[in-house]
C-alpha atoms as a PDB file:
ATOM      1  CA  UNK A   1     156.569 122.730 137.119  1.00  0.00           C
ATOM      2  CA  UNK A   2     154.701 122.436 140.716  1.00  0.00           C
ATOM      3  CA  UNK A   3     153.786 125.242 142.289  1.00  0.00           C
ATOM      4  CA  UNK A   4     154.960 127.768 139.128  1.00  0.00           C
ATOM      5  CA  UNK A   5     152.607 129.414 136.579  1.00  0.00           C
ATOM      6  CA  UNK A   6     152.591 128.539 132.883  1.00  0.00           C
ATOM      7  CA  UNK A   7     153.359 131.554 131.570  1.00  0.00           C
ATOM      8  CA  UNK A   8     153.387 131.006 128.021  1.00  0.00           C
ATOM      9  CA  UNK A   9     152.979 127.970 125.662  1.00  0.00           C
ATOM     10  CA  UNK A  10     154.529 127.699 122.188  1.00  0.00           C
ATOM     11  CA  UNK A  11     153.215 125.262 120.044  1.00  0.00           C
ATOM     12  CA  UNK A  12     155.685 124.385 116.826  1.00  0.00           C
ATOM     13  CA  UNK A  13     152.958 122.089 115.054  1.00  0.00           C
ATOM     14  CA  UNK A  14     149.254 121.620 115.735  1.00  0.00           C
ATOM     15  CA  UNK A  15     149.648 117.755 116.531  1.00  0.00           C
ATOM     16  CA  UNK A  16     151.770 115.110 117.874  1.00  0.00           C
ATOM     17  CA  UNK A  17     150.420 111.682 117.545  1.00  0.00           C
ATOM     18  CA  UNK A  18     146.807 113.082 117.663  1.00  0.00           C
ATOM     19  CA  UNK A  19     145.743 116.677 116.954  1.00  0.00           C
ATOM     20  CA  UNK A  20     146.348 118.817 120.097  1.00  0.00           C
ATOM     21  CA  UNK A  21     143.024 119.464 122.031  1.00  0.00           C
ATOM     22  CA  UNK A  22     141.105 122.935 120.866  1.00  0.00           C
ATOM     23  CA  UNK A  23     142.224 126.152 122.200  1.00  0.00           C
ATOM     24  CA  UNK A  24     145.399 123.996 124.074  1.00  0.00           C
ATOM     25  CA  UNK A  25     147.765 127.255 124.749  1.00  0.00           C
ATOM     26  CA  UNK A  26     144.931 129.089 125.921  1.00  0.00           C
ATOM     27  CA  UNK A  27     143.744 126.863 128.609  1.00  0.00           C
ATOM     28  CA  UNK A  28     147.209 126.329 129.986  1.00  0.00           C
ATOM     29  CA  UNK A  29     148.681 129.885 130.074  1.00  0.00           C
ATOM     30  CA  UNK A  30     148.264 131.871 133.306  1.00  0.00           C
ATOM     31  CA  UNK A  31     147.165 128.362 135.228  1.00  0.00           C
ATOM     32  CA  UNK A  32     149.395 126.946 138.277  1.00  0.00           C
ATOM     33  CA  UNK A  33     150.852 123.670 138.302  1.00  0.00           C
ATOM     34  CA  UNK A  34     149.439 122.611 141.807  1.00  0.00           C
ATOM     35  CA  UNK A  35     150.739 119.275 141.591  1.00  0.00           C
ATOM     36  CA  UNK A  36     152.393 116.524 139.462  1.00  0.00           C
ATOM     37  CA  UNK A  37     151.031 112.935 139.270  1.00  0.00           C
ATOM     38  CA  UNK A  38     151.582 109.821 137.274  1.00  0.00           C
ATOM     39  CA  UNK A  39     149.229 107.009 136.241  1.00  0.00           C
ATOM     40  CA  UNK A  40     150.452 104.249 134.366  1.00  0.00           C
ATOM     41  CA  UNK A  41     152.522 105.693 131.589  1.00  0.00           C
ATOM     42  CA  UNK A  42     151.173 108.938 131.637  1.00  0.00           C
ATOM     43  CA  UNK A  43     152.248 112.018 133.040  1.00  0.00           C
ATOM     44  CA  UNK A  44     149.119 114.538 135.087  1.00  0.00           C
ATOM     45  CA  UNK A  45     149.764 117.973 135.903  1.00  0.00           C
ATOM     46  CA  UNK A  46     146.723 119.336 137.728  1.00  0.00           C
ATOM     47  CA  UNK A  47     145.841 123.113 137.198  1.00  0.00           C
ATOM     48  CA  UNK A  48     144.271 125.714 139.038  1.00  0.00           C
ATOM     49  CA  UNK A  49     141.569 125.960 136.588  1.00  0.00           C
ATOM     50  CA  UNK A  50     140.191 122.959 137.357  1.00  0.00           C
ATOM     51  CA  UNK A  51     141.533 120.778 134.518  1.00  0.00           C
ATOM     52  CA  UNK A  52     144.694 118.717 134.236  1.00  0.00           C
ATOM     53  CA  UNK A  53     147.029 118.580 131.237  1.00  0.00           C
ATOM     54  CA  UNK A  54     147.727 114.754 130.446  1.00  0.00           C
ATOM     55  CA  UNK A  55     151.165 113.940 128.665  1.00  0.00           C
ATOM     56  CA  UNK A  56     152.324 110.482 127.281  1.00  0.00           C
ATOM     57  CA  UNK A  57     155.814 110.352 125.942  1.00  0.00           C
ATOM     58  CA  UNK A  58     155.205 107.450 123.284  1.00  0.00           C
ATOM     59  CA  UNK A  59     158.551 105.871 122.317  1.00  0.00           C
ATOM     60  CA  UNK A  60     161.020 108.631 122.111  1.00  0.00           C
ATOM     61  CA  UNK A  61     159.391 111.719 123.683  1.00  0.00           C
ATOM     62  CA  UNK A  62     161.026 113.417 126.490  1.00  0.00           C
ATOM     63  CA  UNK A  63     160.821 116.714 128.260  1.00  0.00           C
ATOM     64  CA  UNK A  64     164.101 118.773 128.834  1.00  0.00           C
ATOM     65  CA  UNK A  65     164.420 121.777 131.683  1.00  0.00           C
ATOM     66  CA  UNK A  66     166.256 125.057 130.856  1.00  0.00           C
ATOM     67  CA  UNK A  67     166.740 127.120 134.056  1.00  0.00           C
ATOM     68  CA  UNK A  68     168.525 130.121 134.823  1.00  0.00           C
ATOM     69  CA  UNK A  69     169.935 129.853 131.230  1.00  0.00           C
ATOM     70  CA  UNK A  70     171.620 126.742 131.952  1.00  0.00           C
ATOM     71  CA  UNK A  71     170.234 123.498 129.931  1.00  0.00           C
ATOM     72  CA  UNK A  72     169.867 120.083 132.178  1.00  0.00           C
ATOM     73  CA  UNK A  73     171.678 121.272 134.938  1.00  0.00           C
ATOM     74  CA  UNK A  74     174.050 118.815 136.887  1.00  0.00           C
ATOM     75  CA  UNK A  75     177.146 116.352 135.728  1.00  0.00           C
ATOM     76  CA  UNK A  76     175.852 112.990 133.830  1.00  0.00           C
ATOM     77  CA  UNK A  77     177.862 110.491 132.083  1.00  0.00           C
ATOM     78  CA  UNK A  78     177.172 110.160 128.365  1.00  0.00           C
ATOM     79  CA  UNK A  79     174.436 112.942 128.420  1.00  0.00           C
ATOM     80  CA  UNK A  80     172.738 113.205 125.045  1.00  0.00           C
ATOM     81  CA  UNK A  81     171.675 116.331 122.878  1.00  0.00           C
ATOM     82  CA  UNK A  82     168.463 116.713 121.383  1.00  0.00           C
ATOM     83  CA  UNK A  83     167.885 117.586 118.128  1.00  0.00           C
ATOM     84  CA  UNK A  84     165.740 121.177 118.249  1.00  0.00           C
ATOM     85  CA  UNK A  85     163.882 120.515 115.175  1.00  0.00           C
ATOM     86  CA  UNK A  86     162.049 117.800 117.001  1.00  0.00           C
ATOM     87  CA  UNK A  87     161.207 120.090 119.887  1.00  0.00           C
ATOM     88  CA  UNK A  88     157.380 120.526 119.420  1.00  0.00           C
ATOM     89  CA  UNK A  89     155.617 122.227 122.426  1.00  0.00           C
ATOM     90  CA  UNK A  90     157.459 124.651 124.782  1.00  0.00           C
ATOM     91  CA  UNK A  91     156.204 125.566 128.565  1.00  0.00           C
ATOM     92  CA  UNK A  92     157.524 129.002 129.982  1.00  0.00           C
ATOM     93  CA  UNK A  93     157.264 128.845 133.662  1.00  0.00           C
ATOM     94  CA  UNK A  94     157.294 131.570 135.948  1.00  0.00           C
ATOM     95  CA  UNK A  95     156.668 132.036 140.057  1.00  0.00           C
ATOM     96  CA  UNK A  96     158.465 129.476 142.169  1.00  0.00           C
ATOM     97  CA  UNK A  97     160.822 128.453 140.006  1.00  0.00           C
ATOM     98  CA  UNK A  98     161.354 130.402 136.250  1.00  0.00           C
ATOM     99  CA  UNK A  99     162.150 127.515 133.613  1.00  0.00           C
ATOM    100  CA  UNK A 100     161.452 126.990 130.012  1.00  0.00           C
ATOM    101  CA  UNK A 101     159.980 123.076 129.602  1.00  0.00           C
ATOM    102  CA  UNK A 102     160.416 121.699 125.986  1.00  0.00           C
ATOM    103  CA  UNK A 103     158.868 118.668 124.759  1.00  0.00           C
ATOM    104  CA  UNK A 104     161.126 116.853 122.289  1.00  0.00           C
ATOM    105  CA  UNK A 105     159.790 113.947 120.255  1.00  0.00           C
ATOM    106  CA  UNK A 106     161.568 112.478 116.919  1.00  0.00           C
ATOM    107  CA  UNK A 107     158.922 109.854 116.455  1.00  0.00           C
ATOM    108  CA  UNK A 108     155.932 112.001 117.529  1.00  0.00           C
ATOM    109  CA  UNK A 109     154.036 108.662 119.160  1.00  0.00           C
ATOM    110  CA  UNK A 110     153.758 110.764 121.938  1.00  0.00           C
ATOM    111  CA  UNK A 111     150.450 112.854 122.885  1.00  0.00           C
ATOM    112  CA  UNK A 112     148.902 115.767 125.101  1.00  0.00           C
ATOM    113  CA  UNK A 113     145.254 116.190 126.335  1.00  0.00           C
ATOM    114  CA  UNK A 114     143.443 118.276 128.770  1.00  0.00           C
ATOM    115  CA  UNK A 115     140.475 116.709 130.840  1.00  0.00           C
ATOM    116  CA  UNK A 116     138.538 117.991 133.845  1.00  0.00           C
ATOM    117  CA  UNK A 117     140.594 116.985 137.072  1.00  0.00           C
ATOM    118  CA  UNK A 118     137.456 115.601 138.943  1.00  0.00           C
ATOM    119  CA  UNK A 119     137.019 113.260 135.375  1.00  0.00           C
ATOM    120  CA  UNK A 120     140.435 111.879 135.337  1.00  0.00           C
ATOM    121  CA  UNK A 121     139.472 108.392 136.379  1.00  0.00           C
ATOM    122  CA  UNK A 122     136.695 108.139 134.018  1.00  0.00           C
ATOM    123  CA  UNK A 123     138.280 109.812 131.313  1.00  0.00           C
ATOM    124  CA  UNK A 124     138.970 108.006 127.936  1.00  0.00           C
ATOM    125  CA  UNK A 125     142.745 107.343 128.792  1.00  0.00           C
ATOM    126  CA  UNK A 126     142.205 105.896 132.484  1.00  0.00           C
ATOM    127  CA  UNK A 127     138.635 104.555 132.802  1.00  0.00           C
ATOM    128  CA  UNK A 128     139.549 100.977 131.898  1.00  0.00           C
ATOM    129  CA  UNK A 129     143.097 101.027 133.201  1.00  0.00           C
ATOM    130  CA  UNK A 130     144.431  98.178 135.918  1.00  0.00           C
ATOM    131  CA  UNK A 131     145.948  98.952 139.291  1.00  0.00           C
ATOM    132  CA  UNK A 132     149.367 100.599 139.656  1.00  0.00           C
ATOM    133  CA  UNK A 133     152.222  97.814 140.135  1.00  0.00           C
ATOM    134  CA  UNK A 134     153.646  99.537 143.043  1.00  0.00           C
ATOM    135  CA  UNK A 135     150.607 100.897 144.720  1.00  0.00           C
ATOM    136  CA  UNK A 136     148.168  99.349 147.075  1.00  0.00           C
ATOM    137  CA  UNK A 137     145.745  98.015 144.926  1.00  0.00           C
ATOM    138  CA  UNK A 138     147.971  95.591 143.046  1.00  0.00           C
ATOM    139  CA  UNK A 139     148.658  92.353 145.014  1.00  0.00           C
ATOM    140  CA  UNK A 140     149.355  88.569 144.115  1.00  0.00           C
ATOM    141  CA  UNK A 141     145.567  88.117 144.647  1.00  0.00           C
ATOM    142  CA  UNK A 142     144.789  90.829 142.206  1.00  0.00           C
ATOM    143  CA  UNK A 143     147.163  89.682 139.771  1.00  0.00           C
ATOM    144  CA  UNK A 144     145.563  86.179 139.897  1.00  0.00           C
ATOM    145  CA  UNK A 145     141.806  87.874 139.765  1.00  0.00           C
ATOM    146  CA  UNK A 146     143.206  89.537 136.329  1.00  0.00           C
ATOM    147  CA  UNK A 147     144.806  86.555 134.742  1.00  0.00           C
ATOM    148  CA  UNK A 148     141.747  84.260 135.632  1.00  0.00           C
ATOM    149  CA  UNK A 149     140.315  82.894 132.434  1.00  0.00           C
ATOM    150  CA  UNK A 150     142.588  84.538 130.097  1.00  0.00           C
ATOM    151  CA  UNK A 151     143.712  82.421 126.987  1.00  0.00           C
ATOM    152  CA  UNK A 152     146.313  84.761 125.751  1.00  0.00           C
ATOM    153  CA  UNK A 153     150.181  84.395 126.394  1.00  0.00           C
ATOM    154  CA  UNK A 154     151.254  85.533 129.557  1.00  0.00           C
ATOM    155  CA  UNK A 155     153.353  88.213 127.833  1.00  0.00           C
ATOM    156  CA  UNK A 156     150.786  90.017 125.847  1.00  0.00           C
ATOM    157  CA  UNK A 157     148.458  89.666 128.781  1.00  0.00           C
ATOM    158  CA  UNK A 158     150.841  91.412 131.259  1.00  0.00           C
ATOM    159  CA  UNK A 159     151.281  94.265 128.420  1.00  0.00           C
ATOM    160  CA  UNK A 160     147.627  94.867 128.592  1.00  0.00           C
ATOM    161  CA  UNK A 161     146.942  97.956 130.410  1.00  0.00           C
ATOM    162  CA  UNK A 162     143.639  96.676 131.914  1.00  0.00           C
ATOM    163  CA  UNK A 163     145.723  94.260 133.515  1.00  0.00           C
ATOM    164  CA  UNK A 164     148.228  96.259 135.606  1.00  0.00           C
ATOM    165  CA  UNK A 165     149.045  99.794 134.780  1.00  0.00           C
ATOM    166  CA  UNK A 166     152.374 100.813 133.185  1.00  0.00           C
ATOM    167  CA  UNK A 167     154.416  97.805 132.749  1.00  0.00           C
ATOM    168  CA  UNK A 168     156.489  97.767 129.469  1.00  0.00           C
ATOM    169  CA  UNK A 169     157.955  95.417 127.105  1.00  0.00           C
ATOM    170  CA  UNK A 170     161.489  95.298 128.749  1.00  0.00           C
ATOM    171  CA  UNK A 171     160.154  94.973 132.238  1.00  0.00           C
ATOM    172  CA  UNK A 172     157.599  92.190 131.021  1.00  0.00           C
ATOM    173  CA  UNK A 173     160.503  90.427 129.808  1.00  0.00           C
ATOM    174  CA  UNK A 174     162.999  90.554 132.427  1.00  0.00           C
ATOM    175  CA  UNK A 175     159.975  89.443 135.074  1.00  0.00           C
ATOM    176  CA  UNK A 176     159.183  86.535 133.186  1.00  0.00           C
ATOM    177  CA  UNK A 177     162.720  85.281 133.018  1.00  0.00           C
ATOM    178  CA  UNK A 178     163.004  85.695 136.792  1.00  0.00           C
ATOM    179  CA  UNK A 179     159.781  84.007 137.756  1.00  0.00           C
ATOM    180  CA  UNK A 180     160.983  81.144 135.393  1.00  0.00           C
ATOM    181  CA  UNK A 181     157.812  81.572 133.388  1.00  0.00           C
ATOM    182  CA  UNK A 182     157.385  81.045 129.403  1.00  0.00           C
ATOM    183  CA  UNK A 183     155.952  84.177 127.677  1.00  0.00           C
ATOM    184  CA  UNK A 184     154.481  81.577 125.677  1.00  0.00           C
ATOM    185  CA  UNK A 185     152.373  79.954 128.443  1.00  0.00           C
ATOM    186  CA  UNK A 186     148.717  81.113 128.643  1.00  0.00           C
ATOM    187  CA  UNK A 187     147.769  83.611 131.121  1.00  0.00           C
ATOM    188  CA  UNK A 188     145.426  81.448 132.964  1.00  0.00           C
ATOM    189  CA  UNK A 189     147.834  78.597 133.335  1.00  0.00           C
ATOM    190  CA  UNK A 190     149.864  81.037 135.569  1.00  0.00           C
ATOM    191  CA  UNK A 191     147.169  81.298 138.240  1.00  0.00           C
ATOM    192  CA  UNK A 192     147.618  77.754 139.245  1.00  0.00           C
ATOM    193  CA  UNK A 193     150.276  76.504 141.855  1.00  0.00           C
ATOM    194  CA  UNK A 194     153.248  79.458 142.891  1.00  0.00           C
ATOM    195  CA  UNK A 195     153.791  80.839 139.467  1.00  0.00           C
ATOM    196  CA  UNK A 196     151.617  83.893 139.983  1.00  0.00           C
ATOM    197  CA  UNK A 197     153.251  84.657 143.454  1.00  0.00           C
ATOM    198  CA  UNK A 198     156.696  84.534 142.145  1.00  0.00           C
ATOM    199  CA  UNK A 199     155.628  86.538 138.953  1.00  0.00           C
ATOM    200  CA  UNK A 200     153.949  89.373 141.150  1.00  0.00           C
ATOM    201  CA  UNK A 201     157.174  89.405 143.661  1.00  0.00           C
ATOM    202  CA  UNK A 202     159.274  89.484 140.396  1.00  0.00           C
ATOM    203  CA  UNK A 203     157.382  92.393 138.851  1.00  0.00           C
ATOM    204  CA  UNK A 204     157.653  94.445 141.648  1.00  0.00           C
ATOM    205  CA  UNK A 205     161.433  93.614 142.383  1.00  0.00           C
ATOM    206  CA  UNK A 206     162.458  94.685 138.548  1.00  0.00           C
ATOM    207  CA  UNK A 207     160.423  97.957 138.666  1.00  0.00           C
ATOM    208  CA  UNK A 208     162.129  99.031 142.156  1.00  0.00           C
ATOM    209  CA  UNK A 209     165.556  98.035 140.634  1.00  0.00           C
ATOM    210  CA  UNK A 210     165.029 100.128 137.394  1.00  0.00           C
ATOM    211  CA  UNK A 211     163.653 102.991 139.065  1.00  0.00           C
ATOM    212  CA  UNK A 212     166.985 102.935 141.296  1.00  0.00           C
ATOM    213  CA  UNK A 213     168.744 102.577 138.312  1.00  0.00           C
ATOM    214  CA  UNK A 214     167.260 105.774 136.305  1.00  0.00           C
ATOM    215  CA  UNK A 215     165.488 103.527 133.696  1.00  0.00           C
ATOM    216  CA  UNK A 216     166.931 101.932 130.829  1.00  0.00           C
ATOM    217  CA  UNK A 217     168.552 104.063 128.137  1.00  0.00           C
ATOM    218  CA  UNK A 218     167.907 102.552 124.623  1.00  0.00           C
ATOM    219  CA  UNK A 219     168.360 104.678 121.440  1.00  0.00           C
ATOM    220  CA  UNK A 220     167.291 107.881 122.529  1.00  0.00           C
ATOM    221  CA  UNK A 221     166.153 107.850 126.034  1.00  0.00           C
ATOM    222  CA  UNK A 222     167.404 110.460 128.453  1.00  0.00           C
ATOM    223  CA  UNK A 223     165.928 111.875 131.947  1.00  0.00           C
ATOM    224  CA  UNK A 224     164.840 115.531 132.227  1.00  0.00           C
ATOM    225  CA  UNK A 225     168.294 116.249 133.213  1.00  0.00           C
ATOM    226  CA  UNK A 226     169.825 114.689 130.341  1.00  0.00           C
ATOM    227  CA  UNK A 227     171.134 111.868 132.297  1.00  0.00           C
ATOM    228  CA  UNK A 228     171.053 108.370 130.913  1.00  0.00           C
ATOM    229  CA  UNK A 229     169.611 105.026 132.825  1.00  0.00           C
ATOM    230  CA  UNK A 230     171.640 102.204 133.528  1.00  0.00           C
ATOM    231  CA  UNK A 231     169.287  99.312 134.167  1.00  0.00           C
ATOM    232  CA  UNK A 232     170.184  98.118 130.626  1.00  0.00           C
ATOM    233  CA  UNK A 233     173.343  96.975 131.916  1.00  0.00           C
ATOM    234  CA  UNK A 234     171.449  94.434 134.241  1.00  0.00           C
ATOM    235  CA  UNK A 235     169.059  92.822 131.366  1.00  0.00           C
ATOM    236  CA  UNK A 236     169.137  89.128 131.667  1.00  0.00           C
ATOM    237  CA  UNK A 237     167.330  88.387 128.581  1.00  0.00           C
ATOM    238  CA  UNK A 238     165.755  91.451 126.787  1.00  0.00           C
ATOM    239  CA  UNK A 239     167.713  92.617 123.963  1.00  0.00           C
ATOM    240  CA  UNK A 240     170.190  89.529 124.491  1.00  0.00           C
ATOM    241  CA  UNK A 241     169.022  87.322 121.431  1.00  0.00           C
ATOM    242  CA  UNK A 242     171.901  84.513 120.533  1.00  0.00           C
ATOM    243  CA  UNK A 243     173.855  85.409 123.682  1.00  0.00           C
ATOM    244  CA  UNK A 244     174.283  82.966 126.509  1.00  0.00           C
ATOM    245  CA  UNK A 245     171.836  82.594 129.472  1.00  0.00           C
ATOM    246  CA  UNK A 246     173.236  83.737 132.913  1.00  0.00           C
ATOM    247  CA  UNK A 247     172.040  80.710 134.439  1.00  0.00           C
ATOM    248  CA  UNK A 248     172.198  77.551 132.370  1.00  0.00           C
ATOM    249  CA  UNK A 249     174.161  78.979 129.539  1.00  0.00           C
ATOM    250  CA  UNK A 250     171.776  78.260 126.837  1.00  0.00           C
ATOM    251  CA  UNK A 251     171.143  80.487 124.144  1.00  0.00           C
ATOM    252  CA  UNK A 252     168.666  83.419 124.479  1.00  0.00           C
ATOM    253  CA  UNK A 253     165.885  83.292 121.962  1.00  0.00           C
ATOM    254  CA  UNK A 254     163.797  86.262 120.556  1.00  0.00           C
ATOM    255  CA  UNK A 255     160.157  85.948 119.076  1.00  0.00           C
ATOM    256  CA  UNK A 256     157.321  88.382 118.303  1.00  0.00           C
ATOM    257  CA  UNK A 257     154.413  88.358 120.322  1.00  0.00           C
ATOM    258  CA  UNK A 258     151.549  90.970 119.627  1.00  0.00           C
ATOM    259  CA  UNK A 259     154.121  92.964 117.505  1.00  0.00           C
ATOM    260  CA  UNK A 260     156.629  93.191 119.984  1.00  0.00           C
ATOM    261  CA  UNK A 261     159.950  91.406 120.444  1.00  0.00           C
ATOM    262  CA  UNK A 262     160.265  88.896 123.514  1.00  0.00           C
ATOM    263  CA  UNK A 263     163.343  87.671 124.577  1.00  0.00           C
ATOM    264  CA  UNK A 264     163.440  84.548 126.751  1.00  0.00           C
ATOM    265  CA  UNK A 265     165.609  81.598 127.829  1.00  0.00           C
ATOM    266  CA  UNK A 266     163.807  78.208 126.716  1.00  0.00           C
ATOM    267  CA  UNK A 267     165.473  76.204 129.348  1.00  0.00           C
ATOM    268  CA  UNK A 268     164.896  78.300 132.303  1.00  0.00           C
ATOM    269  CA  UNK A 269     161.451  79.464 131.448  1.00  0.00           C
ATOM    270  CA  UNK A 270     158.780  77.030 131.476  1.00  0.00           C
END
């Protein structure tokens, strides 16, 4: 998309999780995508009009690319197909690279919005969002400051996008395990001693390893080229309920916190 123009936008329904913005197609068509960016779990396309297209994949959304008549270029192990009945928004690109980019979302938990580029940081999606975990604004000191005084369990606190942006359920479970911290522990108690320093380091390490592995493919995830991520083969605790811990041979447990499944080792995590 970067450097190309949006020739046509085809809407196959008026809404995703939320209704699409007013005159959605008209505000995007004939605009050039000047650059692509990301904030937390959002994708951002900065347009020549001075507006930006904001996109969130939800739980099952994905973009696929069809270029020169070939869908998902390249050879990928266990590549997955998308059911075309869940193709909801289609972008036809022209200029630098001609391509058709299709947003497919079986559950429709994803959504799209448009905002003025100069007002992105104060728009409703980003105004209270915390620092990027792999950015300069996130540090051991910043993590301590964000957790100080919080009575919520550390697992729930880390999923709060106001604490740190973009952390998801899988990577929080894995980082807490590696840091030896119980997900039930109060967030404020992690600040004491070296726990928060360990946690900070493991958050960074887990995310970098996951990016290198292409993410985690559960159920219907695939990259834009159709390939799967492989970090799920490295899970220490996530989705391993009743299996043995790799460190102590105790059984991995699952509890529910904030409506999300938490996996942990009750022996290794204190």
